[in-house]
Amino acid sequence: MLIKTGIRVTIMAELSLLSYKPGNSYLHRIDIRCKIGLLLLINIVGLQSSVWGLLTTTLLLSAVFLHLRLSLVTILFQTRLFYLLLLFVFISRAVYIPGESLITLFQISVSREGVLSASVYCWRLIVVLFTGIIFISTSRSADIKAGIAWFFKPVPLIPEKRVAVMISLMIRFLPIILEQAKEISEAQKARAVERIKNPVKRLVIFTVPLMRKTFEAADRYIIAMEARCYSEDRTDPDMELKRQDGILILIAVPVVIGLLLV
């Protein structure tokens, strides 16, 4: 029993790197509305800027990771399934985009332009991923809910509080899904599932129980919320723009414009 408890504590300690991490850093103290706006601006830069702008954004994110003392190796390991998706995207773009042929296998040509475009495209997706990890690590789910509701409040015909609850629950479910994926992976390794050579079959064997466990966890979560008479009309945390938030906005907007123009 003690061994199982210790293993579970270790897993949750690792998963906390992909959820809110308490702290008193500069990013922790920023108003959530400024943080959401900064998240959108960085993602715009990551998706629209040139290679030089992308490189500058990557260096800035690396400095933030060092400031927050996040374990890059652990996060890379925990998000390894995402890189399988990146591999698929890379191969698809490398084959689809025409240009100077580098490799030809079974009448399928991989172009030089395709490889370069696919590399930059996957780089952009990685920047978006790590920006989201930094945002989640420095923002409480209650603050995220309040900030999203504030942004959607002026939009007509949209129940801002309901949308905010849905997004905050999705963020809180991320560590649960990762924990279940880790448990399924370890159970399948113990049953020698890795010996199956067909990658599609292995993916199906992994995905089906993961989806089933995720839906079961969602059902339990809903029952627990209903038992506690949970309502979307709850008192949100106080949000107040401070001097540091104004300074951040004055610095971030010109920097983003500059990176987009580089």
Protein backbone atom coordinates (compact mmCIF):
# COMPACT_ATOMS: atom_id res chain seq x y z
CA MET A 1 0.00 0.00 0.00
CA LEU A 2 2.82 2.37 0.90
CA ILE A 3 4.60 1.54 -2.35
CA LYS A 4 1.49 2.29 -4.42
CA THR A 5 0.96 5.55 -2.54
CA GLY A 6 4.56 6.55 -3.13
CA ILE A 7 4.28 5.82 -6.84
CA ARG A 8 1.09 7.88 -7.10
CA VAL A 9 2.69 10.82 -5.27
CA THR A 10 5.67 10.66 -7.61
CA ILE A 11 3.40 10.65 -10.68
CA MET A 12 1.38 13.60 -9.44
CA ALA A 13 4.58 15.49 -8.57
CA GLU A 14 5.75 15.04 -12.16
CA LEU A 15 2.37 15.99 -13.58
CA SER A 16 2.34 19.20 -11.53
CA LEU A 17 4.85 20.51 -14.06
CA LEU A 18 1.97 20.56 -16.57
CA SER A 19 -0.49 22.18 -14.15
CA TYR A 20 -0.43 25.22 -11.88
CA LYS A 21 2.82 25.55 -9.97
CA PRO A 22 2.55 27.90 -6.96
CA GLY A 23 5.16 30.62 -6.85
CA ASN A 24 5.87 34.32 -6.47
CA SER A 25 7.57 35.01 -9.77
CA TYR A 26 6.82 38.01 -11.97
CA LEU A 27 4.54 35.93 -14.21
CA HIS A 28 2.62 34.63 -11.19
CA ARG A 29 1.82 38.20 -10.09
CA ILE A 30 0.63 39.49 -13.47
CA ASP A 31 -3.10 40.14 -13.84
CA ILE A 32 -4.74 37.19 -15.59
CA ARG A 33 -6.24 39.44 -18.30
CA CYS A 34 -2.78 40.69 -19.25
CA LYS A 35 -1.51 37.14 -19.16
CA ILE A 36 -4.20 35.89 -21.54
CA GLY A 37 -3.52 38.80 -23.88
CA LEU A 38 0.21 38.10 -23.75
CA LEU A 39 -0.48 34.44 -24.50
CA LEU A 40 -2.44 35.39 -27.62
CA LEU A 41 0.26 37.82 -28.78
CA ILE A 42 3.05 35.26 -28.38
CA ASN A 43 1.02 32.66 -30.26
CA ILE A 44 0.45 35.16 -33.08
CA VAL A 45 4.19 35.75 -33.26
CA GLY A 46 4.89 32.03 -33.17
CA LEU A 47 2.47 31.33 -36.04
CA GLN A 48 3.02 34.40 -38.23
CA SER A 49 6.57 35.73 -37.74
CA SER A 50 9.66 34.98 -39.79
CA VAL A 51 12.37 32.55 -38.75
CA TRP A 52 14.26 35.32 -36.94
CA GLY A 53 11.15 36.34 -35.03
CA LEU A 54 10.53 32.69 -34.21
CA LEU A 55 14.10 32.29 -32.98
CA THR A 56 13.79 35.38 -30.75
CA THR A 57 10.51 34.08 -29.31
CA THR A 58 12.13 30.70 -28.61
CA LEU A 59 15.01 32.35 -26.76
CA LEU A 60 12.57 34.41 -24.68
CA LEU A 61 10.57 31.30 -23.78
CA SER A 62 13.80 29.50 -22.82
CA ALA A 63 14.67 32.36 -20.47
CA VAL A 64 11.20 32.13 -18.91
CA PHE A 65 11.63 28.38 -18.41
CA LEU A 66 14.90 29.00 -16.58
CA HIS A 67 13.28 31.74 -14.48
CA LEU A 68 10.40 29.45 -13.47
CA ARG A 69 12.76 26.50 -12.93
CA LEU A 70 10.62 24.15 -14.97
CA SER A 71 12.13 20.80 -15.81
CA LEU A 72 12.50 20.83 -19.59
CA VAL A 73 13.53 17.16 -19.77
CA THR A 74 10.47 16.03 -17.79
CA ILE A 75 8.10 18.14 -19.87
CA LEU A 76 9.58 16.81 -23.10
CA PHE A 77 9.04 13.28 -21.82
CA GLN A 78 5.49 13.93 -20.67
CA THR A 79 4.49 15.53 -24.00
CA ARG A 80 6.12 12.83 -26.13
CA LEU A 81 2.78 11.86 -27.72
CA PHE A 82 2.57 15.37 -29.13
CA TYR A 83 5.80 14.79 -31.02
CA LEU A 84 4.27 11.78 -32.76
CA LEU A 85 1.70 14.20 -34.15
CA LEU A 86 4.52 16.55 -35.16
CA LEU A 87 6.22 13.68 -36.97
CA PHE A 88 3.05 13.01 -38.95
CA VAL A 89 2.71 16.73 -39.78
CA PHE A 90 6.38 16.91 -40.80
CA ILE A 91 6.14 13.93 -43.15
CA SER A 92 2.90 15.19 -44.67
CA ARG A 93 4.27 18.66 -45.47
CA ALA A 94 7.63 17.32 -46.64
CA VAL A 95 5.87 15.10 -49.17
CA TYR A 96 3.08 17.51 -50.16
CA ILE A 97 5.15 20.65 -50.93
CA PRO A 98 6.82 20.41 -54.34
CA GLY A 99 10.43 21.36 -55.02
CA GLU A 100 13.93 19.96 -55.40
CA SER A 101 13.78 16.24 -54.67
CA LEU A 102 15.96 14.92 -51.84
CA ILE A 103 14.65 11.36 -51.45
CA THR A 104 12.31 9.28 -53.59
CA LEU A 105 10.78 6.08 -52.20
CA PHE A 106 7.98 4.13 -53.87
CA GLN A 107 7.30 7.06 -56.24
CA ILE A 108 6.91 9.40 -53.25
CA SER A 109 9.31 12.33 -53.36
CA VAL A 110 10.49 14.37 -50.40
CA SER A 111 11.48 17.88 -51.49
CA ARG A 112 14.06 20.18 -49.99
CA GLU A 113 11.53 23.01 -49.78
CA GLY A 114 9.08 20.65 -48.12
CA VAL A 115 11.58 19.66 -45.43
CA LEU A 116 12.41 23.29 -44.67
CA SER A 117 8.74 24.31 -44.56
CA ALA A 118 7.82 21.31 -42.40
CA SER A 119 10.65 22.08 -39.96
CA VAL A 120 9.55 25.68 -39.50
CA TYR A 121 5.88 24.65 -39.20
CA CYS A 122 6.65 22.08 -36.47
CA TRP A 123 8.85 24.66 -34.74
CA ARG A 124 5.88 27.04 -34.63
CA LEU A 125 3.66 24.36 -33.06
CA ILE A 126 6.30 23.64 -30.41
CA VAL A 127 6.43 27.35 -29.53
CA VAL A 128 2.64 27.38 -29.11
CA LEU A 129 2.83 24.25 -26.92
CA PHE A 130 5.50 25.63 -24.61
CA THR A 131 3.76 29.00 -24.37
CA GLY A 132 0.65 27.18 -23.16
CA ILE A 133 2.69 25.19 -20.62
CA ILE A 134 4.15 28.39 -19.17
CA PHE A 135 0.67 29.94 -19.01
CA ILE A 136 -0.82 26.91 -17.22
CA SER A 137 2.13 26.67 -14.83
CA THR A 138 1.72 30.26 -13.64
CA SER A 139 -2.09 30.64 -13.67
CA ARG A 140 -4.66 29.20 -11.29
CA SER A 141 -7.73 27.67 -12.90
CA ALA A 142 -10.02 30.03 -10.96
CA ASP A 143 -8.12 33.04 -12.33
CA ILE A 144 -8.25 31.62 -15.86
CA LYS A 145 -12.01 31.18 -15.53
CA ALA A 146 -12.45 34.75 -14.35
CA GLY A 147 -10.22 36.16 -17.09
CA ILE A 148 -11.96 34.26 -19.89
CA ALA A 149 -15.38 35.32 -18.59
CA TRP A 150 -14.18 38.96 -18.57
CA PHE A 151 -13.10 38.77 -22.22
CA PHE A 152 -16.34 37.13 -23.37
CA LYS A 153 -18.67 39.34 -21.33
CA PRO A 154 -19.02 42.10 -23.99
CA VAL A 155 -19.76 39.49 -26.72
CA PRO A 156 -23.52 39.07 -27.23
CA LEU A 157 -25.26 35.68 -27.30
CA ILE A 158 -22.34 33.93 -25.58
CA PRO A 159 -22.77 32.69 -21.96
CA GLU A 160 -19.37 33.87 -20.80
CA LYS A 161 -19.39 32.09 -17.44
CA ARG A 162 -20.37 28.76 -18.97
CA VAL A 163 -17.63 29.03 -21.60
CA ALA A 164 -15.11 29.97 -18.91
CA VAL A 165 -16.08 26.96 -16.78
CA MET A 166 -15.70 24.63 -19.76
CA ILE A 167 -12.21 25.93 -20.58
CA SER A 168 -11.03 25.85 -16.96
CA LEU A 169 -12.28 22.25 -16.58
CA MET A 170 -10.46 21.29 -19.77
CA ILE A 171 -7.22 22.70 -18.35
CA ARG A 172 -7.71 20.87 -15.05
CA PHE A 173 -8.35 17.63 -16.91
CA LEU A 174 -4.98 17.73 -18.67
CA PRO A 175 -3.00 16.23 -15.72
CA ILE A 176 -5.68 13.55 -15.26
CA ILE A 177 -5.47 12.49 -18.91
CA LEU A 178 -1.67 12.41 -18.76
CA GLU A 179 -1.75 10.30 -15.61
CA GLN A 180 -4.12 7.82 -17.25
CA ALA A 181 -1.95 7.70 -20.37
CA LYS A 182 1.07 6.91 -18.22
CA GLU A 183 -0.75 4.14 -16.35
CA ILE A 184 -2.02 2.57 -19.59
CA SER A 185 1.42 2.76 -21.17
CA GLU A 186 3.06 1.03 -18.20
CA ALA A 187 0.34 -1.65 -18.11
CA GLN A 188 0.77 -2.35 -21.82
CA LYS A 189 4.54 -2.56 -21.46
CA ALA A 190 4.04 -5.18 -18.77
CA ARG A 191 1.89 -7.13 -21.25
CA ALA A 192 4.52 -6.84 -24.03
CA VAL A 193 2.26 -4.77 -26.28
CA GLU A 194 5.38 -3.10 -27.68
CA ARG A 195 6.15 -6.32 -29.56
CA ILE A 196 3.22 -5.64 -31.89
CA LYS A 197 4.83 -4.38 -35.09
CA ASN A 198 1.72 -2.80 -36.61
CA PRO A 199 1.81 0.87 -35.45
CA VAL A 200 -1.89 1.42 -36.27
CA LYS A 201 -2.92 -1.55 -34.12
CA ARG A 202 -0.73 -0.33 -31.26
CA LEU A 203 -2.27 3.12 -31.52
CA VAL A 204 -5.80 1.66 -31.38
CA ILE A 205 -4.89 -0.55 -28.41
CA PHE A 206 -3.60 2.53 -26.58
CA THR A 207 -6.29 5.02 -27.60
CA VAL A 208 -9.42 2.97 -26.85
CA PRO A 209 -8.73 2.40 -23.10
CA LEU A 210 -7.46 5.98 -22.77
CA MET A 211 -10.71 7.37 -24.18
CA ARG A 212 -12.77 5.03 -21.99
CA LYS A 213 -10.89 6.06 -18.83
CA THR A 214 -11.15 9.74 -19.77
CA PHE A 215 -14.93 9.58 -20.20
CA GLU A 216 -15.30 7.62 -16.96
CA ALA A 217 -13.25 10.23 -15.11
CA ALA A 218 -15.39 12.99 -16.66
CA ASP A 219 -18.55 11.22 -15.47
CA ARG A 220 -17.18 10.96 -11.92
CA TYR A 221 -16.20 14.62 -12.02
CA ILE A 222 -19.70 15.65 -13.13
CA ILE A 223 -21.35 13.55 -10.43
CA ALA A 224 -19.08 15.10 -7.79
CA MET A 225 -19.91 18.62 -9.04
CA GLU A 226 -23.65 17.90 -9.00
CA ALA A 227 -23.41 16.40 -5.49
CA ARG A 228 -21.83 19.66 -4.31
CA CYS A 229 -24.48 21.78 -6.10
CA TYR A 230 -21.82 23.35 -8.30
CA SER A 231 -22.98 26.38 -10.24
CA GLU A 232 -21.31 28.52 -12.87
CA ASP A 233 -22.48 31.63 -10.97
CA ARG A 234 -19.68 31.71 -8.43
CA THR A 235 -17.71 34.56 -6.93
CA ASP A 236 -14.66 35.11 -9.12
CA PRO A 237 -11.26 36.25 -7.80
CA ASP A 238 -10.66 39.99 -7.73
CA MET A 239 -8.86 41.33 -10.80
CA GLU A 240 -6.98 44.61 -10.55
CA LEU A 241 -4.57 46.11 -13.05
CA LYS A 242 -1.37 47.19 -11.37
CA ARG A 243 1.61 49.26 -12.42
CA GLN A 244 3.59 46.17 -13.43
CA ASP A 245 0.75 45.12 -15.74
CA GLY A 246 0.79 48.48 -17.51
CA ILE A 247 4.58 48.31 -17.92
CA LEU A 248 4.28 44.81 -19.38
CA ILE A 249 1.68 45.96 -21.92
CA LEU A 250 3.81 48.94 -22.96
CA ILE A 251 6.80 46.64 -23.53
CA ALA A 252 5.03 43.61 -25.01
CA VAL A 253 3.02 45.34 -27.76
CA PRO A 254 6.02 47.08 -29.47
CA VAL A 255 8.11 43.91 -29.13
CA VAL A 256 5.39 41.80 -30.76
CA ILE A 257 5.00 44.30 -33.61
CA GLY A 258 8.77 44.31 -34.09
CA LEU A 259 8.96 40.52 -34.19
CA LEU A 260 6.16 40.38 -36.76
CA LEU A 261 7.98 42.90 -38.95
CA VAL A 262 11.39 41.20 -38.72
